[in-house]
Each structure stands twice: as structure tokens, then as C-alpha cells.
């Protein structure tokens, strides 16, 4: 069996890169990381534009790799576009409007990257969602629908931030600044987003508070915005 497996690997090595790429894109996306760890040559294929263009064409055949998108957030190269579509599919679920599907993913990637740059939130022009909402408005969505989609992007990003001290500090800052960061309707459904910020602080990050004063200050901040607050948020 070992000899047979060894022979199969040698045979694969003889294949030209474009054939290997066609084989790889037909495996599960979840397997790509493991495949790229087998050989340096294979890892390098996953870094090429050719691989991601082939993956786009095979897995998302409805897309045009050279298509430009409306709005201020650029689509990027083939890998970026593939990631945006995959995120839309995995996190938000498929939507009949394919173009909006891709833009949801781009908005998610853009906002998550901005939030992870530092513990200091970027300029509010980025945070309150108008840049993301402009993408949907550019596709012909109404203002209400566009800003509802922008808020969905916010909620998904908050749910998928890594659970570490950096994120804890970021959530505290967002909670303290409140409407200074999340401008009110129609820019985002800010109440939904602010609620999620406090919910994560008092559940997922409860143990990160250094002392009771810090916790009760944040709890007072929550009470000033929401009444009543859930019992799950209580009990430092």
C-alpha cells in the first residue's frame, strides 16, 4: 500500500500545474489548507491568480472574474472575490441576488480587517456602515434594505472576531462610544449592533474584566441604553 501511495504521488508530480489545479479545485474547500501543507510546490499553486480564477469559474460559475462592482469597496483579485462569495455562502446563506451576495462578503472582509487593525476603532465614516451600505445602494437596493444589510454585516463580524484581549478592548471601546461610532438609523440598525457588543462583553468576555469597578462601569453603560437588561449579563 505504501508503495502504491508513493507511486501515485510521483505520478501527480509529473502533471502540469494547470491539471493539478483542476484536480484541487474539485476537492472540498475545507481540504485546501491541508493539501497546501503537503508540498511547497502545491502551496505555491494556492498563491497564484490562476488557481483562484479557476476556483471562481468552477465553484461560482455565475461570476465574471473581471467584473467591476459598484460602491467604494474594491472587489480585489480573484482570491479576494472567492473569499467574499464563500463567506456570503457560509455565514449569510445563499441569496437569489448573486451580485449582492458577493458585496455582502466584501463588506464583511473590509469591516473585519478595519476592526482588527488596532484597538482604536477607525474613523466613524468606516464604522457606521455608510461605506458598506453604499455598495448595496449601488446595486439598486433601497436605503432601508441597504442599511439593514450593513447591520447584518456588522453583526456577523462581531460574532466572528477572535476571542482575545485585542477583541475585548475593541468591544469595550465600541460599547463606551455608543452612538459616536454607530450612527443611528438610517445609517445602521445601531440598537441591534450595540446590543450584540454588550452581549459579547457580558457573556463571551466576562472573565476578561480585571475588577468589579470595570465591570460595573460597563454595566451602567449598558443600563443607560437598554431597559431591561438580560439577567445573563449580571453577576460579576
Protein backbone atom coordinates (compact mmCIF):
# COMPACT_ATOMS: atom_id res chain seq x y z
CA UNK A 1 0.00 0.00 0.00
CA UNK A 2 2.82 2.43 0.86
CA UNK A 3 4.50 1.71 -2.48
CA UNK A 4 1.23 2.34 -4.29
CA UNK A 5 0.65 5.66 -2.50
CA UNK A 6 4.23 6.69 -3.22
CA UNK A 7 3.77 5.89 -6.91
CA UNK A 8 0.54 7.91 -7.02
CA UNK A 9 2.32 10.95 -5.56
CA UNK A 10 5.11 10.63 -8.08
CA UNK A 11 2.56 10.41 -10.91
CA UNK A 12 0.80 13.55 -9.68
CA UNK A 13 4.12 15.38 -9.60
CA UNK A 14 4.51 14.69 -13.32
CA UNK A 15 1.27 16.51 -14.13
CA UNK A 16 1.45 20.11 -15.38
CA UNK A 17 0.34 22.79 -12.93
CA UNK A 18 -2.91 23.62 -14.72
CA UNK A 19 -4.02 19.97 -14.45
CA UNK A 20 -3.10 19.82 -10.75
CA UNK A 21 -5.12 22.99 -10.20
CA UNK A 22 -8.15 21.41 -11.90
CA UNK A 23 -7.82 18.44 -9.53
CA UNK A 24 -7.51 20.61 -6.42
CA UNK A 25 -10.50 22.85 -7.15
CA UNK A 26 -12.66 19.74 -7.32
CA UNK A 27 -11.83 18.80 -3.74
CA UNK A 28 -13.63 20.37 -0.81
CA UNK A 29 -12.68 23.94 0.04
CA UNK A 30 -12.15 22.84 3.64
CA UNK A 31 -9.39 20.49 2.43
CA UNK A 32 -7.32 23.15 0.68
CA UNK A 33 -5.33 24.15 3.74
CA UNK A 34 -4.32 20.55 4.40
CA UNK A 35 -3.45 19.96 0.73
CA UNK A 36 -1.25 23.07 0.62
CA UNK A 37 0.79 21.69 3.53
CA UNK A 38 1.81 18.54 1.65
CA UNK A 39 4.35 20.10 -0.73
CA UNK A 40 5.88 23.53 -1.25
CA UNK A 41 5.02 23.27 -4.93
CA UNK A 42 1.35 22.72 -4.08
CA UNK A 43 1.38 25.55 -1.56
CA UNK A 44 2.71 27.88 -4.22
CA UNK A 45 -0.19 26.95 -6.53
CA UNK A 46 -2.66 28.19 -3.93
CA UNK A 47 -0.95 31.59 -4.07
CA UNK A 48 -1.36 32.03 -7.82
CA UNK A 49 -4.03 34.08 -9.53
CA UNK A 50 -4.58 31.15 -11.92
CA UNK A 51 -5.73 28.89 -9.08
CA UNK A 52 -8.28 31.37 -7.75
CA UNK A 53 -9.60 32.25 -11.19
CA UNK A 54 -10.10 28.53 -11.85
CA UNK A 55 -11.78 28.11 -8.44
CA UNK A 56 -14.13 31.03 -9.16
CA UNK A 57 -15.07 29.63 -12.56
CA UNK A 58 -15.68 26.11 -11.21
CA UNK A 59 -17.40 26.78 -7.86
CA UNK A 60 -19.10 30.10 -8.69
CA UNK A 61 -19.60 29.89 -12.46
CA UNK A 62 -22.05 32.80 -12.46
CA UNK A 63 -19.30 35.31 -11.65
CA UNK A 64 -17.24 37.29 -14.10
CA UNK A 65 -13.65 37.45 -12.75
CA UNK A 66 -13.06 40.81 -14.44
CA UNK A 67 -16.36 42.36 -13.35
CA UNK A 68 -16.23 45.69 -11.54
CA UNK A 69 -18.58 46.29 -8.63
CA UNK A 70 -20.40 49.48 -7.64
CA UNK A 71 -19.56 51.28 -4.42
CA UNK A 72 -16.40 52.41 -2.66
CA UNK A 73 -15.03 49.00 -1.58
CA UNK A 74 -13.00 47.45 -4.43
CA UNK A 75 -13.51 43.74 -5.22
CA UNK A 76 -9.80 42.89 -5.41
CA UNK A 77 -8.24 39.97 -7.25
CA UNK A 78 -9.72 36.50 -7.80
CA UNK A 79 -8.80 35.19 -4.33
CA UNK A 80 -10.49 38.15 -2.66
CA UNK A 81 -13.62 37.64 -4.73
CA UNK A 82 -13.67 33.92 -3.98
CA UNK A 83 -13.36 34.63 -0.26
CA UNK A 84 -16.22 37.14 -0.43
CA UNK A 85 -18.53 34.66 -2.14
CA UNK A 86 -17.53 31.82 0.19
CA UNK A 87 -18.18 33.99 3.24
CA UNK A 88 -21.56 35.04 1.88
CA UNK A 89 -22.47 31.41 1.36
CA UNK A 90 -21.17 30.11 4.70
CA UNK A 91 -22.14 32.96 7.03
CA UNK A 92 -25.10 34.68 5.43
CA UNK A 93 -26.62 31.88 3.34
CA UNK A 94 -27.28 31.98 -0.38
CA UNK A 95 -29.34 34.85 -1.75
CA UNK A 96 -31.06 34.94 -5.14
CA UNK A 97 -29.29 38.23 -5.89
CA UNK A 98 -25.80 36.97 -6.75
CA UNK A 99 -24.22 40.41 -7.03
CA UNK A 100 -25.41 41.39 -3.58
CA UNK A 101 -24.13 38.06 -2.25
CA UNK A 102 -20.61 38.97 -3.29
CA UNK A 103 -20.84 42.51 -1.93
CA UNK A 104 -22.00 41.20 1.46
CA UNK A 105 -18.80 39.18 1.59
CA UNK A 106 -16.65 42.15 0.56
CA UNK A 107 -18.29 44.30 3.23
CA UNK A 108 -17.61 41.62 5.83
CA UNK A 109 -13.93 41.32 4.87
CA UNK A 110 -13.46 45.09 4.75
CA UNK A 111 -15.04 45.79 8.14
CA UNK A 112 -13.32 42.89 9.90
CA UNK A 113 -9.92 43.99 8.61
CA UNK A 114 -10.52 47.58 9.72
CA UNK A 115 -11.54 46.50 13.21
CA UNK A 116 -8.53 44.22 13.58
CA UNK A 117 -6.01 46.94 12.68
CA UNK A 118 -5.85 48.20 16.26
CA UNK A 119 -7.86 48.50 19.44
CA UNK A 120 -8.73 52.05 18.39
CA UNK A 121 -11.75 51.95 16.07
CA UNK A 122 -11.17 53.61 12.70
CA UNK A 123 -12.89 56.82 11.68
CA UNK A 124 -16.64 56.68 12.16
CA UNK A 125 -17.10 57.07 8.41
CA UNK A 126 -15.97 53.46 8.20
CA UNK A 127 -17.71 52.17 11.30
CA UNK A 128 -21.25 53.41 10.97
CA UNK A 129 -21.76 51.42 7.82
CA UNK A 130 -22.34 54.01 5.10
CA UNK A 131 -19.40 52.73 3.04
CA UNK A 132 -20.79 49.22 3.22
CA UNK A 133 -24.37 50.36 2.62
CA UNK A 134 -23.25 52.34 -0.44
CA UNK A 135 -22.33 49.03 -2.03
CA UNK A 136 -25.92 47.80 -1.78
CA UNK A 137 -27.39 51.14 -2.83
CA UNK A 138 -25.15 51.00 -5.90
CA UNK A 139 -26.84 47.68 -6.77
CA UNK A 140 -30.24 49.33 -6.70
CA UNK A 141 -31.31 48.38 -3.18
CA UNK A 142 -33.45 50.84 -1.24
CA UNK A 143 -31.88 52.80 1.60
CA UNK A 144 -33.74 50.75 4.20
CA UNK A 145 -32.66 47.42 2.70
CA UNK A 146 -29.09 48.64 2.21
CA UNK A 147 -28.66 49.69 5.81
CA UNK A 148 -30.33 46.53 7.11
CA UNK A 149 -27.76 44.53 5.12
CA UNK A 150 -24.97 46.73 6.52
CA UNK A 151 -26.13 45.94 10.04
CA UNK A 152 -26.20 42.21 9.23
CA UNK A 153 -22.57 42.53 8.14
CA UNK A 154 -21.73 44.24 11.45
CA UNK A 155 -23.41 41.50 13.47
CA UNK A 156 -21.64 38.74 11.55
CA UNK A 157 -18.25 40.42 12.03
CA UNK A 158 -18.80 40.80 15.77
CA UNK A 159 -19.75 37.12 16.01
CA UNK A 160 -16.58 36.03 14.21
CA UNK A 161 -13.89 38.12 15.89
CA UNK A 162 -11.24 36.09 17.67
CA UNK A 163 -11.74 35.75 21.41
CA UNK A 164 -8.63 37.50 22.67
CA UNK A 165 -7.61 40.59 24.63
CA UNK A 166 -7.47 42.69 21.49
CA UNK A 167 -11.14 41.98 20.77
CA UNK A 168 -12.10 42.60 24.41
CA UNK A 169 -10.51 46.06 24.29
CA UNK A 170 -12.19 46.78 20.97
CA UNK A 171 -15.64 45.77 22.27
CA UNK A 172 -15.19 47.93 25.37
CA UNK A 173 -14.30 50.92 23.23
CA UNK A 174 -17.28 50.35 20.94
CA UNK A 175 -19.60 49.98 23.95
CA UNK A 176 -18.31 53.16 25.60
CA UNK A 177 -18.56 55.31 22.49
CA UNK A 178 -22.01 54.04 21.53
CA UNK A 179 -23.74 56.38 19.07
CA UNK A 180 -20.47 58.19 18.38
CA UNK A 181 -19.42 55.06 16.48
CA UNK A 182 -22.76 53.55 15.44
CA UNK A 183 -24.72 56.42 13.98
CA UNK A 184 -28.48 55.93 14.36
CA UNK A 185 -30.99 54.88 11.71
CA UNK A 186 -30.92 55.07 8.72
CA UNK A 187 -27.15 54.50 8.70
CA UNK A 188 -27.31 51.24 10.62
CA UNK A 189 -29.76 49.45 12.85
CA UNK A 190 -27.44 50.56 15.62
CA UNK A 191 -29.51 49.20 18.51
CA UNK A 192 -29.09 45.64 17.18
CA UNK A 193 -25.36 46.13 16.78
CA UNK A 194 -24.83 47.83 20.16
CA UNK A 195 -26.84 45.09 21.87
CA UNK A 196 -24.54 42.45 20.37
CA UNK A 197 -21.45 44.34 21.57
CA UNK A 198 -22.68 44.33 25.19
CA UNK A 199 -23.94 40.76 24.91
CA UNK A 200 -20.49 39.53 23.89
CA UNK A 201 -18.80 41.56 26.64
CA UNK A 202 -21.02 40.14 29.39
CA UNK A 203 -21.02 36.55 28.14
CA UNK A 204 -18.02 35.58 25.99
CA UNK A 205 -15.64 38.07 27.64
CA UNK A 206 -16.98 38.22 31.19
CA UNK A 207 -13.76 36.78 32.63
CA UNK A 208 -11.66 39.48 30.96
CA UNK A 209 -12.81 42.24 33.34
CA UNK A 210 -9.92 42.95 35.70
CA UNK A 211 -12.00 44.13 38.64
CA UNK A 212 -15.58 44.79 39.74
CA UNK A 213 -15.34 48.54 39.14
CA UNK A 214 -14.54 47.94 35.48
CA UNK A 215 -17.44 45.51 35.18
CA UNK A 216 -19.97 47.74 36.94
CA UNK A 217 -18.94 50.77 34.90
CA UNK A 218 -19.67 48.80 31.75
CA UNK A 219 -22.93 47.51 33.21
CA UNK A 220 -24.01 51.08 33.95
CA UNK A 221 -23.22 51.93 30.36
CA UNK A 222 -25.47 49.08 29.20
CA UNK A 223 -28.31 50.17 31.52
CA UNK A 224 -28.18 53.66 30.06
CA UNK A 225 -29.03 52.20 26.64
CA UNK A 226 -31.19 49.15 27.30
CA UNK A 227 -34.06 48.52 29.71
CA UNK A 228 -34.39 45.92 30.95
CA UNK A 229 -31.07 44.21 30.54
CA UNK A 230 -30.91 40.37 30.49
CA UNK A 231 -30.22 38.56 33.73
CA UNK A 232 -27.42 36.69 31.93
CA UNK A 233 -25.43 39.94 31.87
CA UNK A 234 -25.50 40.22 35.66
CA UNK A 235 -23.28 38.63 38.29
CA UNK A 236 -19.62 39.56 38.08
